[in-house]
mmCIF file of all heavy atoms, coordinates in Angstrom:
data_MODEL
# 
_entry.id   MODEL 
# 
loop_
_atom_site.group_PDB 
_atom_site.id 
_atom_site.type_symbol 
_atom_site.label_atom_id 
_atom_site.label_alt_id 
_atom_site.label_comp_id 
_atom_site.label_asym_id 
_atom_site.label_entity_id 
_atom_site.label_seq_id 
_atom_site.pdbx_PDB_ins_code 
_atom_site.Cartn_x 
_atom_site.Cartn_y 
_atom_site.Cartn_z 
_atom_site.occupancy 
_atom_site.B_iso_or_equiv 
_atom_site.pdbx_formal_charge 
_atom_site.auth_seq_id 
_atom_site.auth_comp_id 
_atom_site.auth_asym_id 
_atom_site.auth_atom_id 
_atom_site.pdbx_PDB_model_num 
ATOM 1   N N   . GLY A 1 1  ? 0.832   -1.204  0.006   1.00 0.00 ? 1  GLY A N   1 
ATOM 2   C CA  . GLY A 1 1  ? 0.002   0.005   0.009   1.00 0.00 ? 1  GLY A CA  1 
ATOM 3   C C   . GLY A 1 1  ? 0.868   1.239   -0.003  1.00 0.00 ? 1  GLY A C   1 
ATOM 4   O O   . GLY A 1 1  ? 2.103   1.168   0.009   1.00 0.00 ? 1  GLY A O   1 
ATOM 5   N N   . TYR A 1 2  ? 0.218   2.389   -0.058  1.00 0.00 ? 2  TYR A N   1 
ATOM 6   C CA  . TYR A 1 2  ? 0.911   3.702   -0.035  1.00 0.00 ? 2  TYR A CA  1 
ATOM 7   C C   . TYR A 1 2  ? 1.214   4.110   1.400   1.00 0.00 ? 2  TYR A C   1 
ATOM 8   O O   . TYR A 1 2  ? 0.334   4.036   2.269   1.00 0.00 ? 2  TYR A O   1 
ATOM 9   C CB  . TYR A 1 2  ? 0.117   4.758   -0.762  1.00 0.00 ? 2  TYR A CB  1 
ATOM 10  C CG  . TYR A 1 2  ? -0.044  4.483   -2.244  1.00 0.00 ? 2  TYR A CG  1 
ATOM 11  C CD1 . TYR A 1 2  ? -1.241  4.070   -2.760  1.00 0.00 ? 2  TYR A CD1 1 
ATOM 12  C CD2 . TYR A 1 2  ? 1.043   4.644   -3.098  1.00 0.00 ? 2  TYR A CD2 1 
ATOM 13  C CE1 . TYR A 1 2  ? -1.368  3.811   -4.142  1.00 0.00 ? 2  TYR A CE1 1 
ATOM 14  C CE2 . TYR A 1 2  ? 0.936   4.382   -4.446  1.00 0.00 ? 2  TYR A CE2 1 
ATOM 15  C CZ  . TYR A 1 2  ? -0.283  3.945   -4.949  1.00 0.00 ? 2  TYR A CZ  1 
ATOM 16  O OH  . TYR A 1 2  ? -0.419  3.719   -6.316  1.00 0.00 ? 2  TYR A OH  1 
ATOM 17  N N   . LEU A 1 3  ? 2.422   4.527   1.666   1.00 0.00 ? 3  LEU A N   1 
ATOM 18  C CA  . LEU A 1 3  ? 2.887   4.851   3.020   1.00 0.00 ? 3  LEU A CA  1 
ATOM 19  C C   . LEU A 1 3  ? 1.993   5.928   3.689   1.00 0.00 ? 3  LEU A C   1 
ATOM 20  O O   . LEU A 1 3  ? 1.794   7.015   3.136   1.00 0.00 ? 3  LEU A O   1 
ATOM 21  C CB  . LEU A 1 3  ? 4.349   5.331   2.984   1.00 0.00 ? 3  LEU A CB  1 
ATOM 22  C CG  . LEU A 1 3  ? 4.957   5.662   4.335   1.00 0.00 ? 3  LEU A CG  1 
ATOM 23  C CD1 . LEU A 1 3  ? 5.086   4.404   5.182   1.00 0.00 ? 3  LEU A CD1 1 
ATOM 24  C CD2 . LEU A 1 3  ? 6.298   6.300   4.152   1.00 0.00 ? 3  LEU A CD2 1 
ATOM 25  N N   . LYS A 1 4  ? 1.397   5.570   4.828   1.00 0.00 ? 4  LYS A N   1 
ATOM 26  C CA  . LYS A 1 4  ? 0.573   6.502   5.611   1.00 0.00 ? 4  LYS A CA  1 
ATOM 27  C C   . LYS A 1 4  ? -0.539  7.103   4.831   1.00 0.00 ? 4  LYS A C   1 
ATOM 28  O O   . LYS A 1 4  ? -0.945  8.248   5.051   1.00 0.00 ? 4  LYS A O   1 
ATOM 29  C CB  . LYS A 1 4  ? 1.481   7.608   6.226   1.00 0.00 ? 4  LYS A CB  1 
ATOM 30  C CG  . LYS A 1 4  ? 2.570   7.063   7.133   1.00 0.00 ? 4  LYS A CG  1 
ATOM 31  C CD  . LYS A 1 4  ? 3.430   8.213   7.698   1.00 0.00 ? 4  LYS A CD  1 
ATOM 32  C CE  . LYS A 1 4  ? 4.547   7.624   8.574   1.00 0.00 ? 4  LYS A CE  1 
ATOM 33  N NZ  . LYS A 1 4  ? 5.439   8.709   9.058   1.00 0.00 ? 4  LYS A NZ  1 
ATOM 34  N N   . ASN A 1 5  ? -1.082  6.345   3.857   1.00 0.00 ? 5  ASN A N   1 
ATOM 35  C CA  . ASN A 1 5  ? -2.202  6.859   3.045   1.00 0.00 ? 5  ASN A CA  1 
ATOM 36  C C   . ASN A 1 5  ? -3.194  5.719   2.845   1.00 0.00 ? 5  ASN A C   1 
ATOM 37  O O   . ASN A 1 5  ? -3.329  5.163   1.740   1.00 0.00 ? 5  ASN A O   1 
ATOM 38  C CB  . ASN A 1 5  ? -1.679  7.349   1.720   1.00 0.00 ? 5  ASN A CB  1 
ATOM 39  C CG  . ASN A 1 5  ? -2.676  8.242   1.013   1.00 0.00 ? 5  ASN A CG  1 
ATOM 40  O OD1 . ASN A 1 5  ? -3.916  8.130   1.268   1.00 0.00 ? 5  ASN A OD1 1 
ATOM 41  N ND2 . ASN A 1 5  ? -2.234  9.101   0.099   1.00 0.00 ? 5  ASN A ND2 1 
ATOM 42  N N   . PRO A 1 6  ? -3.942  5.392   3.887   1.00 0.00 ? 6  PRO A N   1 
ATOM 43  C CA  . PRO A 1 6  ? -4.874  4.268   3.812   1.00 0.00 ? 6  PRO A CA  1 
ATOM 44  C C   . PRO A 1 6  ? -6.008  4.488   2.797   1.00 0.00 ? 6  PRO A C   1 
ATOM 45  O O   . PRO A 1 6  ? -6.481  3.546   2.180   1.00 0.00 ? 6  PRO A O   1 
ATOM 46  C CB  . PRO A 1 6  ? -5.448  4.139   5.229   1.00 0.00 ? 6  PRO A CB  1 
ATOM 47  C CG  . PRO A 1 6  ? -5.154  5.478   5.887   1.00 0.00 ? 6  PRO A CG  1 
ATOM 48  C CD  . PRO A 1 6  ? -3.894  5.979   5.250   1.00 0.00 ? 6  PRO A CD  1 
ATOM 49  N N   . LYS A 1 7  ? -6.413  5.762   2.601   1.00 0.00 ? 7  LYS A N   1 
ATOM 50  C CA  . LYS A 1 7  ? -7.451  6.038   1.621   1.00 0.00 ? 7  LYS A CA  1 
ATOM 51  C C   . LYS A 1 7  ? -7.024  5.714   0.209   1.00 0.00 ? 7  LYS A C   1 
ATOM 52  O O   . LYS A 1 7  ? -7.728  4.990   -0.527  1.00 0.00 ? 7  LYS A O   1 
ATOM 53  C CB  . LYS A 1 7  ? -7.870  7.531   1.739   1.00 0.00 ? 7  LYS A CB  1 
ATOM 54  C CG  . LYS A 1 7  ? -8.988  7.925   0.786   1.00 0.00 ? 7  LYS A CG  1 
ATOM 55  C CD  . LYS A 1 7  ? -9.409  9.389   1.004   1.00 0.00 ? 7  LYS A CD  1 
ATOM 56  C CE  . LYS A 1 7  ? -10.551 9.797   0.090   1.00 0.00 ? 7  LYS A CE  1 
ATOM 57  N NZ  . LYS A 1 7  ? -10.115 9.851   -1.298  1.00 0.00 ? 7  LYS A NZ  1 
ATOM 58  N N   . ALA A 1 8  ? -5.822  6.156   -0.180  1.00 0.00 ? 8  ALA A N   1 
ATOM 59  C CA  . ALA A 1 8  ? -5.331  5.858   -1.519  1.00 0.00 ? 8  ALA A CA  1 
ATOM 60  C C   . ALA A 1 8  ? -5.078  4.370   -1.680  1.00 0.00 ? 8  ALA A C   1 
ATOM 61  O O   . ALA A 1 8  ? -5.277  3.800   -2.741  1.00 0.00 ? 8  ALA A O   1 
ATOM 62  C CB  . ALA A 1 8  ? -4.026  6.644   -1.759  1.00 0.00 ? 8  ALA A CB  1 
ATOM 63  N N   . SER A 1 9  ? -4.621  3.728   -0.630  1.00 0.00 ? 9  SER A N   1 
ATOM 64  C CA  . SER A 1 9  ? -4.366  2.261   -0.679  1.00 0.00 ? 9  SER A CA  1 
ATOM 65  C C   . SER A 1 9  ? -5.644  1.504   -0.884  1.00 0.00 ? 9  SER A C   1 
ATOM 66  O O   . SER A 1 9  ? -5.692  0.574   -1.701  1.00 0.00 ? 9  SER A O   1 
ATOM 67  C CB  . SER A 1 9  ? -3.683  1.788   0.628   1.00 0.00 ? 9  SER A CB  1 
ATOM 68  O OG  . SER A 1 9  ? -2.443  2.430   0.813   1.00 0.00 ? 9  SER A OG  1 
ATOM 69  N N   . ALA A 1 10 ? -6.731  1.903   -0.165  1.00 0.00 ? 10 ALA A N   1 
ATOM 70  C CA  . ALA A 1 10 ? -8.042  1.226   -0.315  1.00 0.00 ? 10 ALA A CA  1 
ATOM 71  C C   . ALA A 1 10 ? -8.558  1.413   -1.740  1.00 0.00 ? 10 ALA A C   1 
ATOM 72  O O   . ALA A 1 10 ? -9.101  0.431   -2.336  1.00 0.00 ? 10 ALA A O   1 
ATOM 73  C CB  . ALA A 1 10 ? -8.996  1.781   0.702   1.00 0.00 ? 10 ALA A CB  1 
ATOM 74  N N   . GLU A 1 11 ? -8.396  2.602   -2.295  1.00 0.00 ? 11 GLU A N   1 
ATOM 75  C CA  . GLU A 1 11 ? -8.894  2.833   -3.654  1.00 0.00 ? 11 GLU A CA  1 
ATOM 76  C C   . GLU A 1 11 ? -8.066  2.023   -4.665  1.00 0.00 ? 11 GLU A C   1 
ATOM 77  O O   . GLU A 1 11 ? -8.593  1.444   -5.623  1.00 0.00 ? 11 GLU A O   1 
ATOM 78  C CB  . GLU A 1 11 ? -8.765  4.314   -3.978  1.00 0.00 ? 11 GLU A CB  1 
ATOM 79  C CG  . GLU A 1 11 ? -9.752  5.234   -3.242  1.00 0.00 ? 11 GLU A CG  1 
ATOM 80  C CD  . GLU A 1 11 ? -9.480  6.673   -3.430  1.00 0.00 ? 11 GLU A CD  1 
ATOM 81  O OE1 . GLU A 1 11 ? -8.476  7.051   -4.131  1.00 0.00 ? 11 GLU A OE1 1 
ATOM 82  O OE2 . GLU A 1 11 ? -10.293 7.487   -2.885  1.00 0.00 ? 11 GLU A OE2 1 
ATOM 83  N N   . ALA A 1 12 ? -6.753  1.915   -4.431  1.00 0.00 ? 12 ALA A N   1 
ATOM 84  C CA  . ALA A 1 12 ? -5.877  1.242   -5.401  1.00 0.00 ? 12 ALA A CA  1 
ATOM 85  C C   . ALA A 1 12 ? -6.138  -0.267  -5.409  1.00 0.00 ? 12 ALA A C   1 
ATOM 86  O O   . ALA A 1 12 ? -5.958  -0.920  -6.421  1.00 0.00 ? 12 ALA A O   1 
ATOM 87  C CB  . ALA A 1 12 ? -4.413  1.467   -5.027  1.00 0.00 ? 12 ALA A CB  1 
ATOM 88  N N   . PHE A 1 13 ? -6.597  -0.844  -4.262  1.00 0.00 ? 13 PHE A N   1 
ATOM 89  C CA  . PHE A 1 13 ? -6.809  -2.269  -4.167  1.00 0.00 ? 13 PHE A CA  1 
ATOM 90  C C   . PHE A 1 13 ? -8.303  -2.657  -4.116  1.00 0.00 ? 13 PHE A C   1 
ATOM 91  O O   . PHE A 1 13 ? -8.628  -3.780  -3.748  1.00 0.00 ? 13 PHE A O   1 
ATOM 92  C CB  . PHE A 1 13 ? -6.074  -2.822  -2.949  1.00 0.00 ? 13 PHE A CB  1 
ATOM 93  C CG  . PHE A 1 13 ? -4.600  -2.919  -3.143  1.00 0.00 ? 13 PHE A CG  1 
ATOM 94  C CD1 . PHE A 1 13 ? -3.774  -1.929  -2.630  1.00 0.00 ? 13 PHE A CD1 1 
ATOM 95  C CD2 . PHE A 1 13 ? -4.042  -3.969  -3.818  1.00 0.00 ? 13 PHE A CD2 1 
ATOM 96  C CE1 . PHE A 1 13 ? -2.394  -1.995  -2.825  1.00 0.00 ? 13 PHE A CE1 1 
ATOM 97  C CE2 . PHE A 1 13 ? -2.668  -4.042  -4.014  1.00 0.00 ? 13 PHE A CE2 1 
ATOM 98  C CZ  . PHE A 1 13 ? -1.845  -3.066  -3.490  1.00 0.00 ? 13 PHE A CZ  1 
ATOM 99  N N   . GLU A 1 14 ? -9.148  -1.753  -4.556  1.00 0.00 ? 14 GLU A N   1 
ATOM 100 C CA  . GLU A 1 14 ? -10.604 -2.058  -4.537  1.00 0.00 ? 14 GLU A CA  1 
ATOM 101 C C   . GLU A 1 14 ? -10.879 -3.289  -5.364  1.00 0.00 ? 14 GLU A C   1 
ATOM 102 O O   . GLU A 1 14 ? -10.436 -3.432  -6.509  1.00 0.00 ? 14 GLU A O   1 
ATOM 103 C CB  . GLU A 1 14 ? -11.365 -0.889  -5.088  1.00 0.00 ? 14 GLU A CB  1 
ATOM 104 C CG  . GLU A 1 14 ? -12.843 -0.921  -4.840  1.00 0.00 ? 14 GLU A CG  1 
ATOM 105 C CD  . GLU A 1 14 ? -13.578 0.361   -5.242  1.00 0.00 ? 14 GLU A CD  1 
ATOM 106 O OE1 . GLU A 1 14 ? -12.923 1.348   -5.499  1.00 0.00 ? 14 GLU A OE1 1 
ATOM 107 O OE2 . GLU A 1 14 ? -14.827 0.299   -5.276  1.00 0.00 ? 14 GLU A OE2 1 
ATOM 108 N N   . GLY A 1 15 ? -11.631 -4.235  -4.783  1.00 0.00 ? 15 GLY A N   1 
ATOM 109 C CA  . GLY A 1 15 ? -11.982 -5.445  -5.518  1.00 0.00 ? 15 GLY A CA  1 
ATOM 110 C C   . GLY A 1 15 ? -10.940 -6.512  -5.443  1.00 0.00 ? 15 GLY A C   1 
ATOM 111 O O   . GLY A 1 15 ? -11.050 -7.556  -6.089  1.00 0.00 ? 15 GLY A O   1 
ATOM 112 N N   . GLY A 1 16 ? -9.897  -6.283  -4.638  1.00 0.00 ? 16 GLY A N   1 
ATOM 113 C CA  . GLY A 1 16 ? -8.853  -7.331  -4.465  1.00 0.00 ? 16 GLY A CA  1 
ATOM 114 C C   . GLY A 1 16 ? -7.771  -7.362  -5.507  1.00 0.00 ? 16 GLY A C   1 
ATOM 115 O O   . GLY A 1 16 ? -6.952  -8.267  -5.548  1.00 0.00 ? 16 GLY A O   1 
ATOM 116 N N   . TRP A 1 17 ? -7.727  -6.372  -6.428  1.00 0.00 ? 17 TRP A N   1 
ATOM 117 C CA  . TRP A 1 17 ? -6.674  -6.213  -7.415  1.00 0.00 ? 17 TRP A CA  1 
ATOM 118 C C   . TRP A 1 17 ? -6.062  -4.831  -7.317  1.00 0.00 ? 17 TRP A C   1 
ATOM 119 O O   . TRP A 1 17 ? -6.736  -3.885  -6.982  1.00 0.00 ? 17 TRP A O   1 
ATOM 120 C CB  . TRP A 1 17 ? -7.279  -6.453  -8.822  1.00 0.00 ? 17 TRP A CB  1 
ATOM 121 C CG  . TRP A 1 17 ? -7.623  -7.812  -9.150  1.00 0.00 ? 17 TRP A CG  1 
ATOM 122 C CD1 . TRP A 1 17 ? -8.792  -8.492  -8.762  1.00 0.00 ? 17 TRP A CD1 1 
ATOM 123 C CD2 . TRP A 1 17 ? -6.878  -8.737  -9.939  1.00 0.00 ? 17 TRP A CD2 1 
ATOM 124 N NE1 . TRP A 1 17 ? -8.789  -9.774  -9.235  1.00 0.00 ? 17 TRP A NE1 1 
ATOM 125 C CE2 . TRP A 1 17 ? -7.657  -9.930  -9.990  1.00 0.00 ? 17 TRP A CE2 1 
ATOM 126 C CE3 . TRP A 1 17 ? -5.676  -8.662  -10.634 1.00 0.00 ? 17 TRP A CE3 1 
ATOM 127 C CZ2 . TRP A 1 17 ? -7.218  -11.066 -10.692 1.00 0.00 ? 17 TRP A CZ2 1 
ATOM 128 C CZ3 . TRP A 1 17 ? -5.250  -9.806  -11.346 1.00 0.00 ? 17 TRP A CZ3 1 
ATOM 129 C CH2 . TRP A 1 17 ? -6.010  -10.983 -11.388 1.00 0.00 ? 17 TRP A CH2 1 
ATOM 130 N N   . PHE A 1 18 ? -4.776  -4.709  -7.653  1.00 0.00 ? 18 PHE A N   1 
ATOM 131 C CA  . PHE A 1 18 ? -4.171  -3.389  -7.730  1.00 0.00 ? 18 PHE A CA  1 
ATOM 132 C C   . PHE A 1 18 ? -4.537  -2.742  -9.025  1.00 0.00 ? 18 PHE A C   1 
ATOM 133 O O   . PHE A 1 18 ? -4.305  -3.271  -10.130 1.00 0.00 ? 18 PHE A O   1 
ATOM 134 C CB  . PHE A 1 18 ? -2.643  -3.465  -7.620  1.00 0.00 ? 18 PHE A CB  1 
ATOM 135 C CG  . PHE A 1 18 ? -1.959  -2.181  -7.958  1.00 0.00 ? 18 PHE A CG  1 
ATOM 136 C CD1 . PHE A 1 18 ? -2.090  -1.065  -7.107  1.00 0.00 ? 18 PHE A CD1 1 
ATOM 137 C CD2 . PHE A 1 18 ? -1.231  -2.011  -9.089  1.00 0.00 ? 18 PHE A CD2 1 
ATOM 138 C CE1 . PHE A 1 18 ? -1.526  0.174   -7.414  1.00 0.00 ? 18 PHE A CE1 1 
ATOM 139 C CE2 . PHE A 1 18 ? -0.598  -0.808  -9.429  1.00 0.00 ? 18 PHE A CE2 1 
ATOM 140 C CZ  . PHE A 1 18 ? -0.775  0.296   -8.573  1.00 0.00 ? 18 PHE A CZ  1 
ATOM 141 N N   . HIS A 1 19 ? -5.137  -1.584  -8.955  1.00 0.00 ? 19 HIS A N   1 
ATOM 142 C CA  . HIS A 1 19 ? -5.583  -0.835  -10.125 1.00 0.00 ? 19 HIS A CA  1 
ATOM 143 C C   . HIS A 1 19 ? -4.440  0.034   -10.662 1.00 0.00 ? 19 HIS A C   1 
ATOM 144 O O   . HIS A 1 19 ? -3.997  0.958   -9.986  1.00 0.00 ? 19 HIS A O   1 
ATOM 145 C CB  . HIS A 1 19 ? -6.793  0.055   -9.809  1.00 0.00 ? 19 HIS A CB  1 
ATOM 146 C CG  . HIS A 1 19 ? -8.002  -0.658  -9.385  1.00 0.00 ? 19 HIS A CG  1 
ATOM 147 N ND1 . HIS A 1 19 ? -9.200  -0.532  -10.038 1.00 0.00 ? 19 HIS A ND1 1 
ATOM 148 C CD2 . HIS A 1 19 ? -8.226  -1.568  -8.363  1.00 0.00 ? 19 HIS A CD2 1 
ATOM 149 C CE1 . HIS A 1 19 ? -10.135 -1.345  -9.440  1.00 0.00 ? 19 HIS A CE1 1 
ATOM 150 N NE2 . HIS A 1 19 ? -9.531  -1.946  -8.441  1.00 0.00 ? 19 HIS A NE2 1 
ATOM 151 N N   . SER A 1 20 ? -3.995  -0.263  -11.855 1.00 0.00 ? 20 SER A N   1 
ATOM 152 C CA  . SER A 1 20 ? -2.758  0.440   -12.380 1.00 0.00 ? 20 SER A CA  1 
ATOM 153 C C   . SER A 1 20 ? -3.048  1.859   -12.917 1.00 0.00 ? 20 SER A C   1 
ATOM 154 O O   . SER A 1 20 ? -2.160  2.675   -12.983 1.00 0.00 ? 20 SER A O   1 
ATOM 155 C CB  . SER A 1 20 ? -2.161  -0.391  -13.523 1.00 0.00 ? 20 SER A CB  1 
ATOM 156 O OG  . SER A 1 20 ? -3.023  -0.373  -14.672 1.00 0.00 ? 20 SER A OG  1 
ATOM 157 N N   . GLY A 1 21 ? -4.329  2.104   -13.296 1.00 0.00 ? 21 GLY A N   1 
ATOM 158 C CA  . GLY A 1 21 ? -4.637  3.388   -13.934 1.00 0.00 ? 21 GLY A CA  1 
ATOM 159 C C   . GLY A 1 21 ? -4.314  3.371   -15.423 1.00 0.00 ? 21 GLY A C   1 
ATOM 160 O O   . GLY A 1 21 ? -4.575  4.332   -16.137 1.00 0.00 ? 21 GLY A O   1 
ATOM 161 N N   . ASP A 1 22 ? -3.848  2.200   -15.905 1.00 0.00 ? 22 ASP A N   1 
ATOM 162 C CA  . ASP A 1 22 ? -3.569  2.067   -17.340 1.00 0.00 ? 22 ASP A CA  1 
ATOM 163 C C   . ASP A 1 22 ? -4.746  1.386   -18.026 1.00 0.00 ? 22 ASP A C   1 
ATOM 164 O O   . ASP A 1 22 ? -5.308  0.444   -17.498 1.00 0.00 ? 22 ASP A O   1 
ATOM 165 C CB  . ASP A 1 22 ? -2.305  1.193   -17.583 1.00 0.00 ? 22 ASP A CB  1 
ATOM 166 C CG  . ASP A 1 22 ? -1.008  1.910   -17.254 1.00 0.00 ? 22 ASP A CG  1 
ATOM 167 O OD1 . ASP A 1 22 ? -0.978  3.113   -17.393 1.00 0.00 ? 22 ASP A OD1 1 
ATOM 168 O OD2 . ASP A 1 22 ? -0.101  1.224   -16.805 1.00 0.00 ? 22 ASP A OD2 1 
ATOM 169 N N   . LEU A 1 23 ? -5.146  1.921   -19.173 1.00 0.00 ? 23 LEU A N   1 
ATOM 170 C CA  . LEU A 1 23 ? -6.255  1.327   -19.947 1.00 0.00 ? 23 LEU A CA  1 
ATOM 171 C C   . LEU A 1 23 ? -5.631  0.430   -21.027 1.00 0.00 ? 23 LEU A C   1 
ATOM 172 O O   . LEU A 1 23 ? -4.675  0.855   -21.702 1.00 0.00 ? 23 LEU A O   1 
ATOM 173 C CB  . LEU A 1 23 ? -7.143  2.398   -20.526 1.00 0.00 ? 23 LEU A CB  1 
ATOM 174 C CG  . LEU A 1 23 ? -7.819  3.351   -19.496 1.00 0.00 ? 23 LEU A CG  1 
ATOM 175 C CD1 . LEU A 1 23 ? -8.651  4.383   -20.203 1.00 0.00 ? 23 LEU A CD1 1 
ATOM 176 C CD2 . LEU A 1 23 ? -8.666  2.561   -18.546 1.00 0.00 ? 23 LEU A CD2 1 
ATOM 177 N N   . GLY A 1 24 ? -6.254  -0.688  -21.269 1.00 0.00 ? 24 GLY A N   1 
ATOM 178 C CA  . GLY A 1 24 ? -5.698  -1.591  -22.300 1.00 0.00 ? 24 GLY A CA  1 
ATOM 179 C C   . GLY A 1 24 ? -6.754  -2.571  -22.777 1.00 0.00 ? 24 GLY A C   1 
ATOM 180 O O   . GLY A 1 24 ? -7.941  -2.595  -22.321 1.00 0.00 ? 24 GLY A O   1 
ATOM 181 N N   . VAL A 1 25 ? -6.332  -3.418  -23.692 1.00 0.00 ? 25 VAL A N   1 
ATOM 182 C CA  . VAL A 1 25 ? -7.187  -4.467  -24.225 1.00 0.00 ? 25 VAL A CA  1 
ATOM 183 C C   . VAL A 1 25 ? -6.465  -5.826  -23.971 1.00 0.00 ? 25 VAL A C   1 
ATOM 184 O O   . VAL A 1 25 ? -5.277  -5.883  -23.762 1.00 0.00 ? 25 VAL A O   1 
ATOM 185 C CB  . VAL A 1 25 ? -7.478  -4.266  -25.727 1.00 0.00 ? 25 VAL A CB  1 
ATOM 186 C CG1 . VAL A 1 25 ? -8.233  -2.976  -25.952 1.00 0.00 ? 25 VAL A CG1 1 
ATOM 187 C CG2 . VAL A 1 25 ? -6.162  -4.295  -26.561 1.00 0.00 ? 25 VAL A CG2 1 
ATOM 188 N N   . TRP A 1 26 ? -7.293  -6.889  -24.055 1.00 0.00 ? 26 TRP A N   1 
ATOM 189 C CA  . TRP A 1 26 ? -6.765  -8.240  -23.883 1.00 0.00 ? 26 TRP A CA  1 
ATOM 190 C C   . TRP A 1 26 ? -6.923  -8.963  -25.223 1.00 0.00 ? 26 TRP A C   1 
ATOM 191 O O   . TRP A 1 26 ? -8.037  -9.099  -25.742 1.00 0.00 ? 26 TRP A O   1 
ATOM 192 C CB  . TRP A 1 26 ? -7.546  -8.953  -22.825 1.00 0.00 ? 26 TRP A CB  1 
ATOM 193 C CG  . TRP A 1 26 ? -6.719  -9.784  -21.898 1.00 0.00 ? 26 TRP A CG  1 
ATOM 194 C CD1 . TRP A 1 26 ? -5.412  -10.208 -22.091 1.00 0.00 ? 26 TRP A CD1 1 
ATOM 195 C CD2 . TRP A 1 26 ? -7.110  -10.322 -20.635 1.00 0.00 ? 26 TRP A CD2 1 
ATOM 196 N NE1 . TRP A 1 26 ? -5.006  -10.990 -21.074 1.00 0.00 ? 26 TRP A NE1 1 
ATOM 197 C CE2 . TRP A 1 26 ? -6.030  -11.056 -20.130 1.00 0.00 ? 26 TRP A CE2 1 
ATOM 198 C CE3 . TRP A 1 26 ? -8.261  -10.264 -19.892 1.00 0.00 ? 26 TRP A CE3 1 
ATOM 199 C CZ2 . TRP A 1 26 ? -6.063  -11.675 -18.880 1.00 0.00 ? 26 TRP A CZ2 1 
ATOM 200 C CZ3 . TRP A 1 26 ? -8.322  -10.925 -18.650 1.00 0.00 ? 26 TRP A CZ3 1 
ATOM 201 C CH2 . TRP A 1 26 ? -7.217  -11.640 -18.166 1.00 0.00 ? 26 TRP A CH2 1 
# 
């Protein structure tokens, strides 16, 4: 997670995956 930033950490790991902020296709 992000140091001393639980809010940003919770947003980044919402749904049990780390959200990269990158958009792509499979």
